[in-house]
Amino acid sequence: MATTMHVEVVSAERHVLSADAVELYARSVEGEIGILPGHQPALIELDIAPVRVKLEDGTWETIAVHHGLLYVGRDGLIVLADVAEPASSIDAARAETALRELEGRQAAGDDPVLRASIQRARTRLTVADG
């Protein structure tokens, strides 16, 4: 059995990660999922949440993913995200300001688009804070 798996994370705008990894954790629309080398093939719909990848050298990469698909194949994993933002590209102060503004607007009523925007801002903060 393989001890690593190749992981690719891409969005419509850019290629975010290409690396060998030993673990991947994400949140699907049905709940949290962990993938290890040798996982059975699968196609999983991702929610708005961080994707955490433990690289072969033991370091972690965390990426804010805003919906997408996780394809688990025999040769590795591909995350195809609507938006994928590595921690290094997130402006935490800007995300915090956006979150406060969005939460202030949420008091006016329940809006699914606003809820998704709040979740994206929270995900950015989680990833930026490490």
N, C-alpha and C. Protein backbone atom coordinates (compact mmCIF):
# COMPACT_ATOMS: atom_id res chain seq x y z
N MET A 1 0.83 -1.17 0.00
CA MET A 1 0.00 0.00 0.00
C MET A 1 0.89 1.25 0.00
N ALA A 2 0.46 2.25 -0.75
CA ALA A 2 1.22 3.51 -0.84
C ALA A 2 1.22 4.24 0.50
N THR A 3 2.29 4.95 0.76
CA THR A 3 2.38 5.72 2.00
C THR A 3 2.09 7.20 1.76
N THR A 4 2.05 7.62 0.50
CA THR A 4 1.71 9.00 0.16
C THR A 4 0.70 8.98 -0.99
N MET A 5 0.12 10.14 -1.23
CA MET A 5 -0.81 10.33 -2.34
C MET A 5 -0.55 11.71 -2.92
N HIS A 6 -0.71 11.83 -4.21
CA HIS A 6 -0.50 13.14 -4.83
C HIS A 6 -1.77 13.95 -4.72
N VAL A 7 -1.64 15.22 -4.30
CA VAL A 7 -2.78 16.11 -4.11
C VAL A 7 -2.62 17.32 -5.02
N GLU A 8 -3.67 17.61 -5.76
CA GLU A 8 -3.76 18.82 -6.59
C GLU A 8 -4.95 19.62 -6.10
N VAL A 9 -4.76 20.92 -5.87
CA VAL A 9 -5.87 21.81 -5.52
C VAL A 9 -5.88 22.91 -6.57
N VAL A 10 -7.00 23.01 -7.28
CA VAL A 10 -7.13 24.00 -8.34
C VAL A 10 -8.47 24.71 -8.24
N SER A 11 -8.47 25.95 -8.68
CA SER A 11 -9.71 26.71 -8.79
C SER A 11 -9.81 27.22 -10.22
N ALA A 12 -10.87 27.91 -10.50
CA ALA A 12 -11.03 28.48 -11.84
C ALA A 12 -9.94 29.51 -12.13
N GLU A 13 -9.40 30.13 -11.09
CA GLU A 13 -8.44 31.20 -11.26
C GLU A 13 -6.98 30.75 -11.24
N ARG A 14 -6.68 29.67 -10.48
CA ARG A 14 -5.27 29.31 -10.34
C ARG A 14 -5.08 27.90 -9.82
N HIS A 15 -3.86 27.45 -9.96
CA HIS A 15 -3.40 26.18 -9.41
C HIS A 15 -2.82 26.50 -8.03
N VAL A 16 -3.40 25.97 -6.98
CA VAL A 16 -3.03 26.35 -5.62
C VAL A 16 -2.00 25.41 -5.00
N LEU A 17 -2.12 24.12 -5.24
CA LEU A 17 -1.22 23.16 -4.58
C LEU A 17 -1.02 21.94 -5.47
N SER A 18 0.21 21.49 -5.51
CA SER A 18 0.56 20.22 -6.16
C SER A 18 1.65 19.62 -5.30
N ALA A 19 1.31 18.56 -4.55
CA ALA A 19 2.28 18.01 -3.60
C ALA A 19 1.91 16.58 -3.23
N ASP A 20 2.91 15.87 -2.71
CA ASP A 20 2.65 14.56 -2.14
C ASP A 20 2.27 14.73 -0.69
N ALA A 21 1.24 13.98 -0.26
CA ALA A 21 0.71 14.15 1.09
C ALA A 21 0.44 12.80 1.73
N VAL A 22 0.28 12.84 3.05
CA VAL A 22 -0.03 11.62 3.79
C VAL A 22 -1.44 11.65 4.38
N GLU A 23 -2.07 12.84 4.43
CA GLU A 23 -3.42 12.98 4.95
C GLU A 23 -4.09 14.19 4.31
N LEU A 24 -5.41 14.14 4.18
CA LEU A 24 -6.19 15.29 3.74
C LEU A 24 -7.50 15.28 4.52
N TYR A 25 -7.89 16.45 5.02
CA TYR A 25 -9.14 16.61 5.75
C TYR A 25 -9.94 17.73 5.13
N ALA A 26 -11.23 17.49 4.94
CA ALA A 26 -12.11 18.48 4.32
C ALA A 26 -13.51 18.31 4.90
N ARG A 27 -14.37 19.27 4.57
CA ARG A 27 -15.78 19.14 4.98
C ARG A 27 -16.62 19.01 3.72
N SER A 28 -17.28 17.88 3.62
CA SER A 28 -18.22 17.68 2.52
C SER A 28 -19.56 18.28 2.94
N VAL A 29 -20.51 18.28 2.02
CA VAL A 29 -21.83 18.78 2.36
C VAL A 29 -22.54 17.85 3.35
N GLU A 30 -21.98 16.65 3.54
CA GLU A 30 -22.56 15.69 4.48
C GLU A 30 -21.76 15.57 5.77
N GLY A 31 -20.63 16.25 5.88
CA GLY A 31 -19.84 16.20 7.10
C GLY A 31 -18.35 16.12 6.82
N GLU A 32 -17.58 16.02 7.90
CA GLU A 32 -16.12 15.98 7.80
C GLU A 32 -15.66 14.67 7.18
N ILE A 33 -14.55 14.75 6.44
CA ILE A 33 -13.98 13.56 5.82
C ILE A 33 -12.47 13.62 5.91
N GLY A 34 -11.87 12.48 6.14
CA GLY A 34 -10.43 12.35 6.14
C GLY A 34 -10.04 11.33 5.08
N ILE A 35 -8.99 11.64 4.34
CA ILE A 35 -8.52 10.76 3.28
C ILE A 35 -7.06 10.40 3.56
N LEU A 36 -6.76 9.11 3.50
CA LEU A 36 -5.40 8.60 3.66
C LEU A 36 -5.01 7.88 2.37
N PRO A 37 -3.71 7.66 2.15
CA PRO A 37 -3.30 6.91 0.95
C PRO A 37 -4.02 5.56 0.89
N GLY A 38 -4.44 5.17 -0.31
CA GLY A 38 -5.14 3.90 -0.48
C GLY A 38 -6.64 4.00 -0.34
N HIS A 39 -7.17 5.21 -0.11
CA HIS A 39 -8.62 5.40 0.02
C HIS A 39 -9.33 4.93 -1.24
N GLN A 40 -10.51 4.39 -1.08
CA GLN A 40 -11.30 3.97 -2.23
C GLN A 40 -11.66 5.16 -3.10
N PRO A 41 -11.77 4.98 -4.40
CA PRO A 41 -12.17 6.08 -5.28
C PRO A 41 -13.52 6.66 -4.86
N ALA A 42 -13.63 7.97 -4.99
CA ALA A 42 -14.86 8.65 -4.59
C ALA A 42 -14.93 10.02 -5.25
N LEU A 43 -16.13 10.55 -5.32
CA LEU A 43 -16.36 11.91 -5.77
C LEU A 43 -17.23 12.56 -4.71
N ILE A 44 -16.69 13.61 -4.07
CA ILE A 44 -17.31 14.18 -2.89
C ILE A 44 -17.56 15.67 -3.10
N GLU A 45 -18.78 16.11 -2.82
CA GLU A 45 -19.11 17.54 -2.93
C GLU A 45 -18.64 18.26 -1.67
N LEU A 46 -17.83 19.31 -1.87
CA LEU A 46 -17.27 20.05 -0.74
C LEU A 46 -18.12 21.25 -0.37
N ASP A 47 -18.10 21.57 0.91
CA ASP A 47 -18.79 22.72 1.47
C ASP A 47 -17.80 23.88 1.55
N ILE A 48 -18.21 24.98 2.13
CA ILE A 48 -17.32 26.11 2.38
C ILE A 48 -16.58 25.82 3.68
N ALA A 49 -15.29 25.53 3.58
CA ALA A 49 -14.53 25.15 4.77
C ALA A 49 -13.05 25.02 4.41
N PRO A 50 -12.20 24.99 5.43
CA PRO A 50 -10.78 24.74 5.16
C PRO A 50 -10.54 23.31 4.69
N VAL A 51 -9.57 23.16 3.81
CA VAL A 51 -9.04 21.84 3.45
C VAL A 51 -7.63 21.81 4.02
N ARG A 52 -7.37 20.79 4.84
CA ARG A 52 -6.06 20.67 5.48
C ARG A 52 -5.33 19.48 4.87
N VAL A 53 -4.09 19.73 4.49
CA VAL A 53 -3.28 18.70 3.83
C VAL A 53 -1.98 18.54 4.61
N LYS A 54 -1.73 17.32 5.09
CA LYS A 54 -0.46 17.02 5.75
C LYS A 54 0.49 16.51 4.68
N LEU A 55 1.53 17.30 4.44
CA LEU A 55 2.49 16.97 3.39
C LEU A 55 3.42 15.86 3.83
N GLU A 56 4.13 15.32 2.88
CA GLU A 56 5.06 14.21 3.12
C GLU A 56 6.11 14.55 4.17
N ASP A 57 6.52 15.82 4.25
CA ASP A 57 7.55 16.23 5.21
C ASP A 57 6.98 16.53 6.60
N GLY A 58 5.67 16.33 6.79
CA GLY A 58 5.04 16.54 8.09
C GLY A 58 4.45 17.93 8.30
N THR A 59 4.69 18.86 7.39
CA THR A 59 4.10 20.20 7.50
C THR A 59 2.66 20.17 6.99
N TRP A 60 1.91 21.19 7.37
CA TRP A 60 0.50 21.28 6.98
C TRP A 60 0.29 22.46 6.04
N GLU A 61 -0.53 22.27 5.04
CA GLU A 61 -1.03 23.33 4.16
C GLU A 61 -2.52 23.43 4.42
N THR A 62 -2.99 24.64 4.66
CA THR A 62 -4.42 24.86 4.86
C THR A 62 -4.91 25.82 3.80
N ILE A 63 -6.01 25.44 3.16
CA ILE A 63 -6.54 26.20 2.04
C ILE A 63 -8.03 26.45 2.28
N ALA A 64 -8.45 27.70 2.13
CA ALA A 64 -9.87 28.03 2.21
C ALA A 64 -10.52 27.61 0.90
N VAL A 65 -11.50 26.73 0.98
CA VAL A 65 -12.20 26.24 -0.20
C VAL A 65 -13.65 26.66 -0.10
N HIS A 66 -14.14 27.27 -1.17
CA HIS A 66 -15.51 27.74 -1.23
C HIS A 66 -16.27 26.91 -2.26
N HIS A 67 -16.80 25.82 -1.81
CA HIS A 67 -17.52 24.84 -2.63
C HIS A 67 -16.59 24.21 -3.66
N GLY A 68 -16.96 23.04 -4.08
CA GLY A 68 -16.19 22.35 -5.10
C GLY A 68 -16.37 20.85 -5.00
N LEU A 69 -15.48 20.14 -5.64
CA LEU A 69 -15.51 18.68 -5.65
C LEU A 69 -14.15 18.13 -5.24
N LEU A 70 -14.18 17.03 -4.54
CA LEU A 70 -12.97 16.29 -4.19
C LEU A 70 -13.05 14.96 -4.93
N TYR A 71 -12.12 14.77 -5.85
CA TYR A 71 -12.05 13.52 -6.60
C TYR A 71 -10.94 12.68 -5.99
N VAL A 72 -11.28 11.51 -5.52
CA VAL A 72 -10.30 10.57 -4.98
C VAL A 72 -10.14 9.47 -6.01
N GLY A 73 -8.97 9.41 -6.62
CA GLY A 73 -8.70 8.39 -7.63
C GLY A 73 -7.58 7.47 -7.17
N ARG A 74 -7.29 6.51 -7.95
CA ARG A 74 -6.22 5.57 -7.61
C ARG A 74 -4.85 6.24 -7.63
N ASP A 75 -4.70 7.31 -8.42
CA ASP A 75 -3.41 7.98 -8.55
C ASP A 75 -3.28 9.21 -7.65
N GLY A 76 -4.30 9.53 -6.87
CA GLY A 76 -4.22 10.68 -5.99
C GLY A 76 -5.54 11.41 -5.88
N LEU A 77 -5.45 12.65 -5.40
CA LEU A 77 -6.64 13.46 -5.13
C LEU A 77 -6.60 14.74 -5.94
N ILE A 78 -7.77 15.19 -6.35
CA ILE A 78 -7.89 16.49 -6.99
C ILE A 78 -9.03 17.23 -6.31
N VAL A 79 -8.74 18.43 -5.82
CA VAL A 79 -9.77 19.31 -5.31
C VAL A 79 -10.02 20.35 -6.40
N LEU A 80 -11.24 20.34 -6.93
CA LEU A 80 -11.67 21.32 -7.93
C LEU A 80 -12.60 22.28 -7.21
N ALA A 81 -12.11 23.47 -6.90
CA ALA A 81 -12.87 24.40 -6.08
C ALA A 81 -13.35 25.59 -6.89
N ASP A 82 -14.53 26.10 -6.50
CA ASP A 82 -14.99 27.35 -7.09
C ASP A 82 -13.96 28.44 -6.79
N VAL A 83 -13.56 28.50 -5.51
CA VAL A 83 -12.52 29.42 -5.06
C VAL A 83 -11.64 28.64 -4.09
N ALA A 84 -10.32 28.79 -4.23
CA ALA A 84 -9.36 28.15 -3.32
C ALA A 84 -8.30 29.19 -2.97
N GLU A 85 -8.15 29.47 -1.67
CA GLU A 85 -7.23 30.50 -1.21
C GLU A 85 -6.27 29.93 -0.17
N PRO A 86 -4.97 29.85 -0.50
CA PRO A 86 -4.01 29.42 0.52
C PRO A 86 -3.89 30.49 1.60
N ALA A 87 -3.49 30.09 2.78
CA ALA A 87 -3.36 31.02 3.91
C ALA A 87 -2.52 32.23 3.55
N SER A 88 -1.47 32.03 2.76
CA SER A 88 -0.56 33.13 2.43
C SER A 88 -1.22 34.22 1.59
N SER A 89 -2.34 33.95 0.97
CA SER A 89 -2.98 34.95 0.13
C SER A 89 -4.18 35.63 0.79
N ILE A 90 -4.44 35.30 2.05
CA ILE A 90 -5.60 35.85 2.74
C ILE A 90 -5.20 37.03 3.61
N ASP A 91 -5.88 38.14 3.44
CA ASP A 91 -5.70 39.33 4.27
C ASP A 91 -6.66 39.20 5.45
N ALA A 92 -6.13 38.81 6.61
CA ALA A 92 -6.96 38.54 7.79
C ALA A 92 -7.73 39.78 8.24
N ALA A 93 -7.12 40.95 8.20
CA ALA A 93 -7.81 42.18 8.63
C ALA A 93 -9.00 42.46 7.71
N ARG A 94 -8.79 42.28 6.44
CA ARG A 94 -9.89 42.50 5.48
C ARG A 94 -11.02 41.50 5.70
N ALA A 95 -10.66 40.23 5.94
CA ALA A 95 -11.66 39.19 6.19
C ALA A 95 -12.43 39.48 7.47
N GLU A 96 -11.74 39.96 8.50
CA GLU A 96 -12.40 40.31 9.78
C GLU A 96 -13.39 41.45 9.58
N THR A 97 -12.98 42.48 8.84
CA THR A 97 -13.86 43.61 8.56
C THR A 97 -15.09 43.15 7.78
N ALA A 98 -14.88 42.33 6.77
CA ALA A 98 -16.00 41.82 5.97
C ALA A 98 -16.95 40.99 6.83
N LEU A 99 -16.40 40.16 7.71
CA LEU A 99 -17.23 39.34 8.58
C LEU A 99 -18.10 40.21 9.49
N ARG A 100 -17.51 41.23 10.11
CA ARG A 100 -18.30 42.12 10.98
C ARG A 100 -19.42 42.80 10.20
N GLU A 101 -19.11 43.27 9.01
CA GLU A 101 -20.12 43.93 8.18
C GLU A 101 -21.25 42.97 7.81
N LEU A 102 -20.89 41.76 7.40
CA LEU A 102 -21.89 40.76 7.02
C LEU A 102 -22.75 40.34 8.19
N GLU A 103 -22.14 40.15 9.35
CA GLU A 103 -22.91 39.76 10.54
C GLU A 103 -23.87 40.86 10.95
N GLY A 104 -23.47 42.11 10.74
CA GLY A 104 -24.36 43.23 11.03
C GLY A 104 -25.58 43.23 10.12
N ARG A 105 -25.40 42.84 8.89
CA ARG A 105 -26.51 42.79 7.94
C ARG A 105 -27.40 41.57 8.18
N GLN A 106 -26.86 40.55 8.83
CA GLN A 106 -27.62 39.33 9.05
C GLN A 106 -28.80 39.57 10.00
N ALA A 107 -28.69 40.54 10.88
CA ALA A 107 -29.76 40.82 11.83
C ALA A 107 -31.06 41.22 11.12
N ALA A 108 -30.97 41.66 9.87
CA ALA A 108 -32.15 42.10 9.12
C ALA A 108 -33.02 40.93 8.66
N GLY A 109 -32.52 39.72 8.70
CA GLY A 109 -33.32 38.57 8.30
C GLY A 109 -32.45 37.44 7.80
N ASP A 110 -33.10 36.32 7.53
CA ASP A 110 -32.39 35.13 7.09
C ASP A 110 -32.27 35.13 5.57
N ASP A 111 -31.04 35.20 5.08
CA ASP A 111 -30.77 35.22 3.64
C ASP A 111 -29.69 34.18 3.36
N PRO A 112 -29.99 33.17 2.55
CA PRO A 112 -29.00 32.11 2.30
C PRO A 112 -27.72 32.62 1.64
N VAL A 113 -27.82 33.63 0.79
CA VAL A 113 -26.62 34.19 0.16
C VAL A 113 -25.75 34.87 1.21
N LEU A 114 -26.38 35.59 2.11
CA LEU A 114 -25.65 36.25 3.19
C LEU A 114 -25.02 35.22 4.12
N ARG A 115 -25.75 34.15 4.44
CA ARG A 115 -25.19 33.08 5.28
C ARG A 115 -23.94 32.48 4.63
N ALA A 116 -23.98 32.25 3.32
CA ALA A 116 -22.82 31.69 2.61
C ALA A 116 -21.65 32.67 2.63
N SER A 117 -21.94 33.96 2.48
CA SER A 117 -20.88 34.97 2.53
C SER A 117 -20.22 35.01 3.91
N ILE A 118 -21.02 34.88 4.95
CA ILE A 118 -20.49 34.85 6.32
C ILE A 118 -19.61 33.61 6.51
N GLN A 119 -20.07 32.47 5.99
CA GLN A 119 -19.27 31.25 6.11
C GLN A 119 -17.95 31.37 5.36
N ARG A 120 -17.96 32.01 4.19
CA ARG A 120 -16.70 32.21 3.45
C ARG A 120 -15.75 33.10 4.25
N ALA A 121 -16.26 34.18 4.85
CA ALA A 121 -15.41 35.07 5.64
C ALA A 121 -14.85 34.34 6.86
N ARG A 122 -15.66 33.53 7.51
CA ARG A 122 -15.18 32.76 8.67
C ARG A 122 -14.11 31.75 8.25
N THR A 123 -14.32 31.12 7.11
CA THR A 123 -13.34 30.15 6.61
C THR A 123 -12.01 30.85 6.32
N ARG A 124 -12.06 32.02 5.69
CA ARG A 124 -10.83 32.77 5.42
C ARG A 124 -10.09 33.07 6.73
N LEU A 125 -10.84 33.51 7.74
CA LEU A 125 -10.20 33.82 9.04
C LEU A 125 -9.58 32.58 9.67
N THR A 126 -10.29 31.48 9.61
CA THR A 126 -9.77 30.23 10.18
C THR A 126 -8.46 29.84 9.50
N VAL A 127 -8.43 29.94 8.18
CA VAL A 127 -7.23 29.57 7.43
C VAL A 127 -6.11 30.57 7.69
N ALA A 128 -6.44 31.85 7.69
CA ALA A 128 -5.41 32.88 7.91
C ALA A 128 -4.78 32.79 9.29
N ASP A 129 -5.59 32.40 10.29
CA ASP A 129 -5.09 32.29 11.66
C ASP A 129 -4.30 31.01 11.90
N GLY A 130 -4.32 30.13 10.91
CA GLY A 130 -3.51 28.92 10.99
C GLY A 130 -4.19 27.86 11.78
